[in-house]
Protein backbone atom coordinates (compact mmCIF):
# COMPACT_ATOMS: atom_id res chain seq x y z
CA MET A 1 0.08 0.07 -0.12
CA LYS A 2 1.28 3.27 -1.14
CA PRO A 3 0.90 6.05 1.04
CA SER A 4 -1.18 8.91 0.33
CA TYR A 5 -0.39 12.70 0.25
CA VAL A 6 -2.88 14.84 1.92
CA LEU A 7 -2.72 18.53 2.16
CA LEU A 8 -2.71 20.06 6.54
CA THR A 9 -5.03 23.09 6.31
CA LEU A 10 -5.66 25.45 8.77
CA ALA A 11 -7.62 24.25 11.78
CA GLY A 12 -9.43 27.23 14.00
CA SER A 13 -6.39 29.39 14.40
CA ALA A 14 -7.75 33.05 14.31
CA LEU A 15 -5.62 36.24 14.61
CA SER A 16 -7.17 38.87 17.21
CA LEU A 17 -7.22 42.80 15.96
CA CYS A 18 -4.76 43.98 18.76
CA GLY A 19 -2.19 41.82 17.44
CA GLN A 20 -1.83 38.41 19.80
CA SER A 21 -2.88 35.29 18.63
CA THR A 22 -5.87 33.07 19.90
CA PHE A 23 -5.66 29.41 19.35
CA SER A 24 -9.61 26.91 19.54
CA ALA A 25 -7.63 24.25 18.09
CA PRO A 26 -5.98 21.33 20.13
CA VAL A 27 -1.73 21.67 20.12
CA SER A 28 -0.66 18.07 19.02
CA GLY A 29 3.02 19.20 19.16
CA TYR A 30 5.78 21.66 19.09
CA VAL A 31 8.63 21.38 15.64
CA PHE A 32 11.61 23.97 15.13
CA ASP A 33 11.25 26.02 11.98
CA ASN A 34 15.00 26.28 10.84
CA VAL A 35 14.10 28.90 8.66
CA GLY A 36 12.88 31.28 11.26
CA HIS A 37 15.13 29.63 13.89
CA ALA A 38 11.98 29.26 16.34
CA VAL A 39 9.86 26.98 18.08
CA ARG A 40 6.50 26.94 16.47
CA ALA A 41 3.35 24.39 17.78
CA VAL A 42 1.31 22.19 15.56
CA LEU A 43 -2.57 22.88 15.84
CA GLY A 44 -4.81 20.69 14.71
CA VAL A 45 -4.43 16.79 14.02
CA PRO A 46 -3.12 15.14 10.50
CA GLY A 47 -5.71 16.01 7.93
CA ALA A 48 -6.44 19.15 9.61
CA ALA A 49 -3.96 20.92 11.21
CA SER A 50 -1.34 24.38 9.94
CA LEU A 51 1.39 25.67 12.18
CA GLY A 52 1.21 28.12 15.04
CA PRO A 53 3.39 31.71 14.53
CA ALA A 54 7.20 31.94 15.62
CA SER A 55 8.13 32.07 19.32
CA PRO A 56 10.96 33.85 20.55
CA PRO A 57 13.50 33.74 21.60
CA ALA A 58 16.07 32.70 18.18
CA TRP A 59 17.58 29.42 18.48
CA ASP A 60 20.51 27.52 16.74
CA SER A 61 18.44 24.41 16.48
CA VAL A 62 15.86 23.34 19.57
CA SER A 63 15.39 19.25 19.63
CA VAL A 64 11.80 18.47 21.15
CA ALA A 65 11.09 15.35 23.27
CA PRO A 66 8.63 13.11 21.69
CA ASN A 67 6.15 14.42 24.86
CA GLY A 68 5.90 17.43 22.52
CA ARG A 69 6.16 19.14 25.88
CA TRP A 70 9.81 20.22 26.60
CA GLY A 71 12.81 20.44 24.78
CA LEU A 72 16.80 21.09 24.14
CA GLY A 73 17.71 24.84 22.19
CA LEU A 74 21.11 25.27 21.01
CA THR A 75 22.53 29.11 20.93
CA GLY A 76 26.21 28.67 20.00
CA LEU A 77 28.01 25.99 22.28
CA SER A 78 25.22 26.85 25.15
CA LEU A 79 22.78 23.82 25.69
CA ASN A 80 19.48 24.75 27.12
CA TRP A 81 16.53 23.62 29.23
CA ILE A 82 13.10 24.42 27.79
CA PRO A 83 10.91 22.88 30.48
CA ASP A 84 7.96 24.18 28.45
CA LEU A 85 7.54 24.61 24.97
CA SER A 86 4.81 26.88 24.83
CA GLN A 87 7.19 29.35 26.79
CA PRO A 88 10.09 28.81 24.51
CA ALA A 89 11.45 32.30 26.30
CA SER A 90 11.82 30.70 29.86
CA PHE A 91 14.68 28.15 29.60
CA THR A 92 17.92 27.17 32.10
CA PRO A 93 21.33 26.67 30.40
CA ILE A 94 22.61 23.29 31.71
CA LEU A 95 25.85 22.97 29.84
CA GLN A 96 28.48 24.74 27.61
CA ALA A 97 30.02 22.00 25.21
CA ALA A 98 33.40 21.83 24.59
CA GLY A 99 32.42 21.54 20.86
CA PRO A 100 29.71 21.96 18.53
CA ILE A 101 26.73 19.54 18.98
CA LEU A 102 25.66 17.77 16.19
CA ARG A 103 22.75 15.65 17.27
CA ILE A 104 20.62 15.39 20.04
CA ALA A 105 18.62 11.88 20.93
CA TRP A 106 15.47 11.50 22.84
CA SER A 107 14.56 8.29 24.42
CA ASN A 108 11.04 7.42 24.04
CA ASP A 109 9.49 8.37 27.66
CA SER A 110 11.18 11.62 27.16
CA THR A 111 13.19 11.39 30.53
CA THR A 112 16.21 10.75 28.64
CA ALA A 113 18.20 12.84 25.87
CA ALA A 114 22.15 12.01 24.70
CA PHE A 115 24.07 14.69 22.41
CA TRP A 116 27.18 13.98 19.87
CA SER A 117 29.93 16.20 19.23
CA PRO A 118 32.17 15.01 16.60
CA ALA A 119 35.12 17.61 17.10
CA THR A 120 35.45 16.59 20.95
CA ALA A 121 34.40 12.75 20.27
CA ARG A 122 32.15 13.05 23.36
CA LEU A 123 28.83 11.24 23.59
CA GLN A 124 26.94 11.89 26.84
CA ARG A 125 23.30 11.47 28.52
CA ILE A 126 21.23 13.70 30.55
CA THR A 127 18.60 12.59 32.53
CA GLY A 128 15.76 14.06 34.39
CA PHE A 129 13.72 15.71 32.31
CA GLY A 130 10.54 17.04 34.35
CA SER A 131 11.90 17.83 37.54
CA THR A 132 16.26 18.74 37.29
CA PRO A 133 17.85 17.82 34.16
CA ALA A 134 21.63 16.18 34.83
CA VAL A 135 24.63 15.97 32.93
CA HIS A 136 25.89 12.78 32.84
CA ASP A 137 29.89 12.11 32.11
CA PRO A 138 31.21 11.41 28.39
CA ILE A 139 30.90 7.74 27.88
CA ASP A 140 34.57 6.09 27.46
CA LEU A 141 34.42 5.29 23.54
CA THR A 142 38.42 4.45 23.64
CA ALA A 143 37.61 0.77 23.32
CA VAL A 144 35.67 1.77 19.66
CA SER A 145 37.27 1.54 16.58
CA GLY A 146 36.62 3.70 13.59
CA ARG A 147 34.43 6.22 12.74
CA LEU A 148 30.95 6.40 14.47
CA SER A 149 28.58 5.87 11.77
CA GLY A 150 25.14 5.63 13.76
CA TRP A 151 24.08 5.70 17.30
CA SER A 152 20.53 5.71 19.06
CA LEU A 153 18.87 5.99 22.63
CA SER A 154 17.10 2.77 24.12
CA PRO A 155 13.37 3.45 24.59
CA ASP A 156 13.79 3.78 28.54
CA GLY A 157 17.15 5.60 28.10
CA HIS A 158 19.13 3.26 29.34
CA SER A 159 21.41 2.21 27.21
CA LEU A 160 23.48 3.76 23.78
CA ALA A 161 23.58 1.66 20.84
CA LEU A 162 26.39 2.46 18.09
CA SER A 163 27.83 1.50 15.34
CA THR A 164 31.41 1.99 13.19
CA SER A 165 32.61 1.56 10.17
CA ALA A 166 35.94 0.31 10.99
CA THR A 167 37.41 -2.70 8.88
CA GLY A 168 37.61 -6.28 10.72
CA ALA A 169 36.06 -5.30 13.90
CA SER A 170 33.23 -5.68 15.73
CA SER A 171 30.97 -3.12 14.20
CA VAL A 172 27.88 -2.98 16.90
CA TYR A 173 27.95 -1.98 20.63
CA LEU A 174 25.68 -1.54 23.04
CA SER A 175 26.74 0.93 26.81
CA ASP A 176 24.62 0.55 29.45
CA GLN A 177 23.69 3.23 31.52
CA ASP A 178 27.19 5.64 30.55
CA GLY A 179 29.15 2.12 30.81
CA ALA A 180 32.19 1.70 28.21
CA PRO A 181 30.77 0.44 25.07
CA VAL A 182 30.64 -3.48 24.69
CA PRO A 183 30.24 -5.07 20.93
CA ILE A 184 27.70 -7.11 20.19
CA GLY A 185 27.69 -8.11 16.57
CA LEU A 186 29.07 -7.56 12.97
CA VAL A 187 27.24 -5.80 10.41
CA VAL A 188 29.32 -5.07 7.39
CA ASP A 189 29.77 -1.33 6.51
CA PRO A 190 27.15 -0.12 9.20
CA GLY A 191 25.12 3.07 9.14
CA ALA A 192 21.90 4.26 11.42
CA VAL A 193 20.41 2.46 13.88
CA ALA A 194 17.43 2.47 15.89
CA PHE A 195 16.08 0.39 18.66
CA THR A 196 12.68 -1.31 18.43
CA ALA A 197 9.61 0.31 20.38
CA ASP A 198 10.21 -2.54 23.44
CA GLY A 199 14.09 -2.16 23.30
CA ALA A 200 14.33 -5.89 22.64
CA SER A 201 15.92 -5.49 19.08
CA LEU A 202 18.34 -3.40 17.25
CA LEU A 203 18.11 -2.36 13.54
CA VAL A 204 20.84 -1.44 12.00
CA PHE A 205 21.37 -0.47 8.07
CA GLY A 206 24.31 -2.29 6.58
CA ALA A 207 25.01 -0.38 3.26
CA ALA A 208 27.50 -3.22 2.02
CA ARG A 209 24.49 -5.89 1.47
CA GLN A 210 21.58 -3.18 1.14
CA GLN A 211 20.13 -4.36 3.97
CA ILE A 212 18.33 -3.87 7.55
CA VAL A 213 19.81 -6.17 10.04
CA GLN A 214 17.27 -6.87 13.19
CA LEU A 215 19.50 -7.69 16.41
CA GLY A 216 18.28 -9.28 19.67
CA LEU A 217 19.47 -7.60 22.60
CA PRO A 218 21.52 -7.78 24.69
CA SER A 219 23.05 -11.26 23.00
CA GLY A 220 23.09 -9.47 19.56
CA SER A 221 21.73 -12.51 17.74
CA ILE A 222 20.42 -11.67 14.14
CA ALA A 223 16.72 -12.34 14.55
CA GLY A 224 15.99 -11.06 11.31
CA SER A 225 16.47 -8.77 7.88
CA PHE A 226 14.77 -6.38 5.85
CA ASP A 227 15.41 -5.92 2.02
CA ALA A 228 16.74 -2.37 1.63
CA SER A 229 17.82 -2.51 -1.88
CA SER A 230 15.30 0.52 -2.36
CA PHE A 231 17.52 2.86 -1.08
CA ALA A 232 20.63 1.00 -3.18
CA PRO A 233 23.04 3.37 -5.36
CA ALA A 234 21.58 4.49 -8.57
CA ALA A 235 23.05 3.00 -11.58
CA GLU A 236 24.22 6.03 -14.57
CA VAL A 237 25.26 5.12 -18.45
CA ALA A 238 28.92 5.37 -19.20
CA VAL A 239 30.63 6.05 -23.03
CA SER A 240 32.76 3.25 -22.81
CA GLY A 241 33.83 3.34 -26.82
CA THR A 242 32.55 4.40 -29.97
CA GLY A 243 29.00 3.65 -30.44
CA SER A 244 28.83 1.80 -26.91
CA ARG A 245 27.37 2.39 -23.13
CA LYS A 246 27.50 0.50 -20.25
CA SER A 247 25.85 0.65 -16.56
CA SER A 248 27.84 1.04 -13.94
CA PRO A 249 27.27 1.72 -9.95
CA ARG A 250 26.97 5.48 -9.12
CA ARG A 251 28.25 5.45 -5.05
CA ARG A 252 26.09 7.85 -3.47
CA PRO A 253 27.31 9.48 -0.17
CA THR A 254 26.24 6.97 2.46
CA ALA A 255 23.85 9.72 4.29
CA SER A 256 22.24 9.64 0.68
CA GLU A 257 20.88 5.68 1.15
CA VAL A 258 19.44 5.20 4.45
CA GLN A 259 20.33 8.48 6.29
CA ASP A 260 17.77 7.55 9.62
CA LEU A 261 15.44 4.15 11.02
CA ALA A 262 12.44 4.88 13.69
CA ALA A 263 10.17 1.90 14.61
CA SER A 264 6.28 3.11 15.03
CA ALA A 265 5.23 3.65 18.24
CA ASP A 266 2.75 0.80 18.48
CA GLY A 267 5.49 -1.90 17.78
CA ALA A 268 4.40 -2.90 14.51
CA ARG A 269 6.29 -1.04 11.52
CA LEU A 270 9.72 0.11 10.62
CA TYR A 271 10.64 2.77 8.69
CA ALA A 272 13.54 4.28 7.09
CA ILE A 273 14.23 7.25 5.03
CA GLY A 274 17.06 8.31 2.61
CA SER A 275 17.96 8.73 -1.30
CA GLN A 276 14.66 10.83 -1.24
CA ASN A 277 12.77 7.54 -0.44
CA LEU A 278 10.89 6.89 2.32
CA CYS A 279 9.85 2.90 3.10
CA GLY A 280 7.84 1.31 5.59
CA TYR A 281 8.67 -2.79 6.36
CA SER A 282 6.37 -5.05 8.84
CA LEU A 283 8.49 -5.68 12.06
CA SER A 284 6.45 -9.45 12.35
CA THR A 285 7.03 -10.60 8.68
CA GLY A 286 10.06 -8.77 7.26
CA GLN A 287 7.87 -7.84 4.53
CA LEU A 288 8.45 -3.97 2.73
CA ILE A 289 4.60 -2.23 3.22
CA SER A 290 5.32 0.70 0.91
CA CYS A 291 7.61 2.17 -0.53
CA GLN A 292 7.62 5.98 -2.03
CA ALA A 293 9.18 8.85 -3.73
CA LEU A 294 9.99 12.24 -1.74
CA THR A 295 10.22 15.56 -2.97
CA ILE A 296 12.27 16.64 -0.02
CA PRO A 297 16.35 15.97 0.81
CA SER A 298 17.22 12.71 3.21
CA ALA A 299 15.71 13.95 5.85
CA SER A 300 15.58 12.03 9.22
CA PHE A 301 12.73 11.22 12.09
CA GLN A 302 11.56 13.06 14.88
CA PRO A 303 9.05 11.01 16.99
CA MET A 304 6.32 13.36 18.38
CA PRO A 305 3.10 12.71 20.59
CA ASN A 306 0.15 10.20 18.98
CA GLY A 307 2.91 8.10 17.23
CA ILE A 308 3.31 10.69 14.51
CA LEU A 309 7.34 11.11 12.98
CA LEU A 310 8.23 14.98 12.07
CA LEU A 311 10.48 14.22 8.84
CA ASN A 312 13.27 16.75 9.35
CA TYR A 313 15.20 17.89 6.72
CA PRO A 314 16.97 21.29 5.61
CA ARG A 315 13.96 23.14 4.57
CA SER A 316 14.34 26.36 3.15
CA ALA A 317 11.56 29.36 3.04
CA ASN A 318 8.00 28.65 2.16
CA GLN A 319 8.83 24.60 2.09
CA PRO A 320 6.45 22.80 4.52
CA PHE A 321 6.99 20.49 7.43
CA TRP A 322 6.60 16.80 6.36
CA LEU A 323 4.71 14.13 8.68
CA LEU A 324 4.43 10.68 8.57
CA ASP A 325 1.73 9.05 11.28
CA GLY A 326 3.05 5.91 12.36
CA LYS A 327 -0.49 4.72 12.92
CA THR A 328 -1.69 4.80 9.13
CA ASN A 329 1.65 4.91 7.07
CA GLN A 330 0.20 7.80 5.93
CA THR A 331 2.38 10.73 5.03
CA TYR A 332 1.25 14.80 5.14
CA PHE A 333 2.35 17.85 4.89
CA VAL A 334 2.11 21.23 7.15
CA PRO A 335 2.06 24.79 5.53
CA SER A 336 4.85 26.50 7.03
CA GLY A 337 3.07 30.20 6.11
CA ASN A 338 1.88 30.89 2.66
CA ALA A 339 -0.32 28.06 2.39
CA SER A 340 -0.82 28.29 -1.74
CA ALA A 341 2.83 28.85 -2.14
CA ASP A 342 3.20 25.54 0.10
CA ALA A 343 0.99 23.68 -2.08
CA SER A 344 2.51 23.77 -4.89
CA PHE A 345 5.88 22.70 -3.33
């Protein structure tokens, strides 16, 4: 079944004459607008929703927790705790990072976050969200060989899974509550990793064999695999002599193959995104459910409330936000400002 596209329309928002905003539509979550450098509310539900106005202050980036209520904001090297995204101007600095933070990930229950700083090779957890966040010491990565090519936080936030591209070494590791990573398996040329919703398995993309491998935890035993050939490098035609042509593989960067993986909140499906493709699989049968071409560049997944996945991508002005409903397997887009301009995207 191919997911359908549905334009999310304005639902119950109104502007008063005095210039202040009032909303009668429910707030189903928050997103970070990288164009306006601001937090914005998603008003309404899939099929009938739009975005609220930008809320100050300006941020370099904001990582929103899956519960849609709080997040972490970055300004330069300052990492800040925003306890209520409806009031993003109220925040508390919790860390002055030693180097730029490339990525922040959350546990499914929103109690724990982790961040990766490539310049300093620091991977750290933060716990205590909902009360007083505490930044943990960096995880010791000295025993991890090769380049870190993927990592993910377990649903309960206790463990971190890592994949590395080292040749001839165990390429998948598990760190339990900040402990030194322990090798659990070998996947050739690994990339994105993700836990299943119950935390019992780990999903790892292997570029060499164009498949997603499911590893049982904590043993690392192979529990299944998924065909990821839809993300294979495209073939190109090359001239090999007068009047002759041949096809050869055109290698794309790893990030344009499978860039990110996510299990649906109900544990029934696996989603993979990359190479401008979005594919869904049944976790119980391993079969491909659907695969569609996207008109946006490679993106990453951000969990939102009610089983929704935001497709994060480098948007430009007037481009919409894209949402995947993990319960219905449908893809939607939310106008970011000018509805007529967005609808033509």
